[in-house]
N, C-alpha and C. Protein backbone atom coordinates (compact mmCIF):
# COMPACT_ATOMS: atom_id res chain seq x y z
N MET A 1 0.85 -1.19 0.00
CA MET A 1 0.00 0.00 0.00
C MET A 1 0.89 1.24 0.00
N MET A 2 0.50 2.24 -0.76
CA MET A 2 1.25 3.49 -0.88
C MET A 2 1.06 4.33 0.38
N PRO A 3 2.16 4.82 1.00
CA PRO A 3 2.03 5.71 2.16
C PRO A 3 1.32 7.01 1.77
N ASN A 4 0.60 7.58 2.73
CA ASN A 4 -0.12 8.83 2.50
C ASN A 4 0.16 9.77 3.65
N LEU A 5 0.57 10.99 3.33
CA LEU A 5 0.95 11.99 4.34
C LEU A 5 -0.19 12.29 5.30
N LEU A 6 -1.43 12.17 4.83
CA LEU A 6 -2.58 12.56 5.64
C LEU A 6 -3.28 11.37 6.30
N SER A 7 -2.71 10.19 6.18
CA SER A 7 -3.33 9.02 6.81
C SER A 7 -2.65 8.72 8.14
N SER A 8 -3.25 7.82 8.88
CA SER A 8 -2.72 7.38 10.18
C SER A 8 -2.57 8.53 11.18
N LEU A 9 -3.49 9.49 11.11
CA LEU A 9 -3.48 10.57 12.10
C LEU A 9 -4.18 10.06 13.36
N PRO A 10 -3.60 10.29 14.53
CA PRO A 10 -4.20 9.78 15.76
C PRO A 10 -5.55 10.43 16.08
N ALA A 11 -6.37 9.71 16.83
CA ALA A 11 -7.69 10.22 17.22
C ALA A 11 -7.57 11.41 18.16
N THR A 12 -6.61 11.37 19.07
CA THR A 12 -6.35 12.49 19.98
C THR A 12 -4.90 12.92 19.82
N LEU A 13 -4.64 14.16 20.11
CA LEU A 13 -3.31 14.70 19.89
C LEU A 13 -2.89 15.60 21.06
N PRO A 14 -2.60 15.00 22.23
CA PRO A 14 -2.20 15.82 23.37
C PRO A 14 -0.85 16.50 23.15
N ASP A 15 0.03 15.87 22.34
CA ASP A 15 1.33 16.45 22.02
C ASP A 15 1.51 16.46 20.52
N GLU A 16 2.28 17.42 20.04
CA GLU A 16 2.62 17.45 18.63
C GLU A 16 3.39 16.18 18.28
N ILE A 17 3.18 15.67 17.07
CA ILE A 17 3.83 14.42 16.63
C ILE A 17 4.78 14.72 15.48
N THR A 18 5.98 14.17 15.57
CA THR A 18 6.97 14.28 14.49
C THR A 18 7.36 12.88 14.06
N ASP A 19 7.17 12.59 12.78
CA ASP A 19 7.57 11.31 12.20
C ASP A 19 8.63 11.56 11.15
N THR A 20 9.77 10.87 11.26
CA THR A 20 10.79 10.95 10.22
C THR A 20 10.38 9.99 9.11
N LEU A 21 10.18 10.53 7.90
CA LEU A 21 9.75 9.73 6.76
C LEU A 21 10.94 9.20 5.97
N VAL A 22 11.97 10.03 5.81
CA VAL A 22 13.17 9.67 5.07
C VAL A 22 14.36 10.33 5.74
N GLN A 23 15.46 9.60 5.85
CA GLN A 23 16.68 10.18 6.39
C GLN A 23 17.86 9.67 5.57
N ALA A 24 18.71 10.59 5.16
CA ALA A 24 19.93 10.27 4.43
C ALA A 24 21.04 11.16 4.97
N LYS A 25 22.21 11.07 4.37
CA LYS A 25 23.36 11.79 4.91
C LYS A 25 23.12 13.31 5.02
N HIS A 26 22.53 13.93 3.98
CA HIS A 26 22.38 15.38 3.98
C HIS A 26 20.94 15.86 3.90
N VAL A 27 19.98 14.97 4.18
CA VAL A 27 18.57 15.37 4.12
C VAL A 27 17.76 14.55 5.12
N ARG A 28 16.75 15.19 5.69
CA ARG A 28 15.80 14.51 6.58
C ARG A 28 14.42 15.07 6.25
N ILE A 29 13.46 14.19 6.01
CA ILE A 29 12.10 14.61 5.69
C ILE A 29 11.19 14.15 6.82
N GLU A 30 10.43 15.10 7.37
CA GLU A 30 9.56 14.80 8.51
C GLU A 30 8.12 15.20 8.20
N ARG A 31 7.21 14.46 8.82
CA ARG A 31 5.80 14.88 8.88
C ARG A 31 5.58 15.33 10.32
N ILE A 32 5.06 16.53 10.47
CA ILE A 32 4.74 17.06 11.80
C ILE A 32 3.23 17.29 11.83
N VAL A 33 2.59 16.83 12.90
CA VAL A 33 1.15 17.00 13.05
C VAL A 33 0.91 17.81 14.32
N SER A 34 0.22 18.94 14.16
CA SER A 34 -0.09 19.84 15.27
C SER A 34 -1.61 20.01 15.36
N GLU A 35 -2.08 20.38 16.51
CA GLU A 35 -3.49 20.74 16.70
C GLU A 35 -3.54 21.75 17.83
N GLY A 36 -3.36 23.02 17.48
CA GLY A 36 -3.30 24.06 18.49
C GLY A 36 -1.93 24.16 19.16
N HIS A 37 -0.96 23.37 18.74
CA HIS A 37 0.36 23.41 19.35
C HIS A 37 1.15 24.60 18.83
N VAL A 38 1.96 25.18 19.70
CA VAL A 38 2.81 26.33 19.37
C VAL A 38 4.17 26.15 20.03
N SER A 39 5.12 26.98 19.64
CA SER A 39 6.43 26.96 20.30
C SER A 39 6.28 27.46 21.73
N PRO A 40 7.10 26.94 22.65
CA PRO A 40 7.05 27.44 24.03
C PRO A 40 7.36 28.94 24.09
N PRO A 41 6.85 29.64 25.10
CA PRO A 41 7.12 31.07 25.23
C PRO A 41 8.63 31.34 25.21
N GLU A 42 9.01 32.38 24.49
CA GLU A 42 10.41 32.82 24.39
C GLU A 42 11.33 31.84 23.67
N PHE A 43 10.80 30.73 23.12
CA PHE A 43 11.63 29.76 22.40
C PHE A 43 11.72 30.13 20.93
N TRP A 44 12.92 30.05 20.38
CA TRP A 44 13.15 30.28 18.95
C TRP A 44 13.92 29.11 18.37
N TYR A 45 13.46 28.60 17.23
CA TYR A 45 14.26 27.63 16.48
C TYR A 45 15.43 28.38 15.86
N ASP A 46 16.62 27.82 15.97
CA ASP A 46 17.84 28.37 15.37
C ASP A 46 18.66 27.16 14.92
N GLN A 47 18.34 26.64 13.75
CA GLN A 47 18.83 25.35 13.34
C GLN A 47 20.06 25.44 12.44
N GLU A 48 20.85 24.38 12.47
CA GLU A 48 22.05 24.25 11.65
C GLU A 48 21.71 24.01 10.19
N GLU A 49 20.55 23.40 9.92
CA GLU A 49 20.17 23.04 8.56
C GLU A 49 19.20 24.05 7.97
N ASN A 50 19.14 24.09 6.65
CA ASN A 50 18.06 24.80 5.96
C ASN A 50 16.79 23.99 6.16
N GLU A 51 15.65 24.65 6.05
CA GLU A 51 14.38 23.98 6.32
C GLU A 51 13.33 24.40 5.30
N PHE A 52 12.90 23.45 4.48
CA PHE A 52 11.81 23.68 3.54
C PHE A 52 10.54 23.20 4.22
N VAL A 53 9.53 24.07 4.32
CA VAL A 53 8.29 23.75 5.03
C VAL A 53 7.11 23.89 4.06
N LEU A 54 6.33 22.82 3.94
CA LEU A 54 5.10 22.82 3.14
C LEU A 54 3.94 22.53 4.08
N LEU A 55 2.94 23.38 4.08
CA LEU A 55 1.75 23.12 4.89
C LEU A 55 0.76 22.33 4.04
N ALA A 56 0.48 21.10 4.45
CA ALA A 56 -0.39 20.21 3.67
C ALA A 56 -1.85 20.31 4.09
N GLN A 57 -2.10 20.60 5.37
CA GLN A 57 -3.47 20.63 5.90
C GLN A 57 -3.49 21.58 7.09
N GLY A 58 -4.62 22.22 7.32
CA GLY A 58 -4.78 23.11 8.47
C GLY A 58 -4.30 24.51 8.15
N ALA A 59 -3.88 25.22 9.18
CA ALA A 59 -3.37 26.59 9.03
C ALA A 59 -2.38 26.85 10.15
N ALA A 60 -1.49 27.81 9.91
CA ALA A 60 -0.45 28.11 10.91
C ALA A 60 0.05 29.53 10.72
N ARG A 61 0.70 30.00 11.76
CA ARG A 61 1.36 31.31 11.72
C ARG A 61 2.79 31.12 12.22
N LEU A 62 3.76 31.53 11.41
CA LEU A 62 5.17 31.48 11.80
C LEU A 62 5.66 32.90 12.07
N ARG A 63 6.40 33.05 13.15
CA ARG A 63 6.99 34.35 13.47
C ARG A 63 8.49 34.27 13.28
N PHE A 64 9.00 35.28 12.60
CA PHE A 64 10.43 35.49 12.45
C PHE A 64 10.77 36.75 13.23
N GLU A 65 12.02 37.03 13.42
CA GLU A 65 12.38 38.22 14.20
C GLU A 65 11.91 39.50 13.52
N ASP A 66 11.75 39.48 12.19
CA ASP A 66 11.39 40.69 11.47
C ASP A 66 10.04 40.62 10.74
N SER A 67 9.32 39.49 10.88
CA SER A 67 8.06 39.36 10.15
C SER A 67 7.22 38.21 10.69
N VAL A 68 5.98 38.16 10.23
CA VAL A 68 5.05 37.08 10.56
C VAL A 68 4.43 36.63 9.25
N ILE A 69 4.29 35.30 9.07
CA ILE A 69 3.61 34.80 7.88
C ILE A 69 2.49 33.87 8.28
N GLU A 70 1.39 33.96 7.56
CA GLU A 70 0.24 33.07 7.72
C GLU A 70 0.36 31.99 6.65
N MET A 71 0.12 30.75 7.02
CA MET A 71 0.21 29.65 6.06
C MET A 71 -1.11 28.90 6.00
N LYS A 72 -1.48 28.50 4.77
CA LYS A 72 -2.67 27.69 4.53
C LYS A 72 -2.24 26.52 3.65
N PRO A 73 -3.09 25.52 3.43
CA PRO A 73 -2.69 24.36 2.64
C PRO A 73 -2.10 24.74 1.28
N GLY A 74 -0.96 24.14 0.99
CA GLY A 74 -0.27 24.40 -0.26
C GLY A 74 0.82 25.45 -0.15
N ASP A 75 0.78 26.28 0.90
CA ASP A 75 1.82 27.31 1.08
C ASP A 75 3.12 26.65 1.52
N TRP A 76 4.23 27.20 1.06
CA TRP A 76 5.53 26.69 1.49
C TRP A 76 6.50 27.85 1.67
N ILE A 77 7.54 27.58 2.45
CA ILE A 77 8.60 28.55 2.69
C ILE A 77 9.91 27.79 2.85
N ASP A 78 10.98 28.40 2.40
CA ASP A 78 12.32 27.85 2.56
C ASP A 78 13.04 28.73 3.58
N ILE A 79 13.36 28.16 4.72
CA ILE A 79 13.96 28.92 5.83
C ILE A 79 15.45 28.61 5.87
N PRO A 80 16.31 29.61 5.64
CA PRO A 80 17.75 29.36 5.68
C PRO A 80 18.20 28.96 7.09
N ALA A 81 19.29 28.22 7.14
CA ALA A 81 19.89 27.85 8.43
C ALA A 81 20.10 29.11 9.27
N HIS A 82 19.84 28.99 10.54
CA HIS A 82 20.04 30.04 11.56
C HIS A 82 19.10 31.24 11.42
N ARG A 83 18.07 31.14 10.59
CA ARG A 83 17.06 32.20 10.62
C ARG A 83 16.09 31.85 11.74
N ARG A 84 16.16 32.63 12.79
CA ARG A 84 15.35 32.33 13.98
C ARG A 84 13.87 32.46 13.67
N HIS A 85 13.10 31.46 14.14
CA HIS A 85 11.66 31.45 13.90
C HIS A 85 10.97 30.63 14.98
N ARG A 86 9.66 30.79 15.04
CA ARG A 86 8.85 30.06 16.02
C ARG A 86 7.45 29.85 15.45
N VAL A 87 6.77 28.83 15.94
CA VAL A 87 5.38 28.60 15.56
C VAL A 87 4.52 29.37 16.55
N GLU A 88 3.82 30.36 16.04
CA GLU A 88 3.02 31.24 16.90
C GLU A 88 1.58 30.75 17.07
N TRP A 89 1.07 30.01 16.06
CA TRP A 89 -0.32 29.56 16.11
C TRP A 89 -0.52 28.42 15.13
N THR A 90 -1.31 27.41 15.51
CA THR A 90 -1.81 26.40 14.58
C THR A 90 -3.30 26.22 14.87
N THR A 91 -4.02 25.75 13.89
CA THR A 91 -5.46 25.58 14.01
C THR A 91 -5.80 24.73 15.23
N PRO A 92 -6.61 25.25 16.16
CA PRO A 92 -6.91 24.50 17.38
C PRO A 92 -7.96 23.40 17.21
N ASP A 93 -8.77 23.47 16.15
CA ASP A 93 -9.87 22.53 16.00
C ASP A 93 -9.73 21.64 14.77
N GLU A 94 -8.52 21.58 14.22
CA GLU A 94 -8.24 20.78 13.03
C GLU A 94 -6.76 20.43 13.04
N ARG A 95 -6.41 19.29 12.49
CA ARG A 95 -5.01 18.90 12.41
C ARG A 95 -4.28 19.80 11.42
N THR A 96 -3.13 20.28 11.82
CA THR A 96 -2.22 20.98 10.92
C THR A 96 -1.12 19.99 10.59
N VAL A 97 -0.96 19.68 9.30
CA VAL A 97 0.02 18.70 8.87
C VAL A 97 1.08 19.42 8.03
N TRP A 98 2.32 19.28 8.48
CA TRP A 98 3.46 19.91 7.84
C TRP A 98 4.32 18.83 7.18
N LEU A 99 4.88 19.13 6.03
CA LEU A 99 5.94 18.32 5.44
C LEU A 99 7.18 19.19 5.50
N VAL A 100 8.20 18.72 6.21
CA VAL A 100 9.39 19.52 6.46
C VAL A 100 10.61 18.77 5.94
N VAL A 101 11.42 19.46 5.14
CA VAL A 101 12.64 18.89 4.59
C VAL A 101 13.81 19.68 5.15
N PHE A 102 14.66 19.02 5.94
CA PHE A 102 15.88 19.64 6.46
C PHE A 102 17.02 19.22 5.55
N TYR A 103 17.84 20.20 5.12
CA TYR A 103 18.92 19.88 4.20
C TYR A 103 20.11 20.81 4.42
N GLY A 104 21.27 20.35 4.01
CA GLY A 104 22.49 21.15 4.11
C GLY A 104 22.71 21.95 2.85
N ASP A 105 23.76 22.73 2.86
CA ASP A 105 24.11 23.54 1.67
C ASP A 105 24.69 22.70 0.57
């Protein structure tokens, strides 16, 4: 059976879920499932890798030090390594499903 990004979602989601779908030497592809989950207060992601983010389902708001972006299904962004960002909001009454590709230069 062919894997599906939107299948096998849990009935309840007390914590955000991260599944590694593919991992190789210079790339990691993850599915992240949120439902009202956000970054902890004062926490900023500051990662070593570049990060390509595609929102497959739901909605979200990402905050950067200099801007805020709203995301809906189909929207994507490529975040360079060390660009500080945080998840400010995800849909509280629907699953937000992200496809995230971490990669090096």
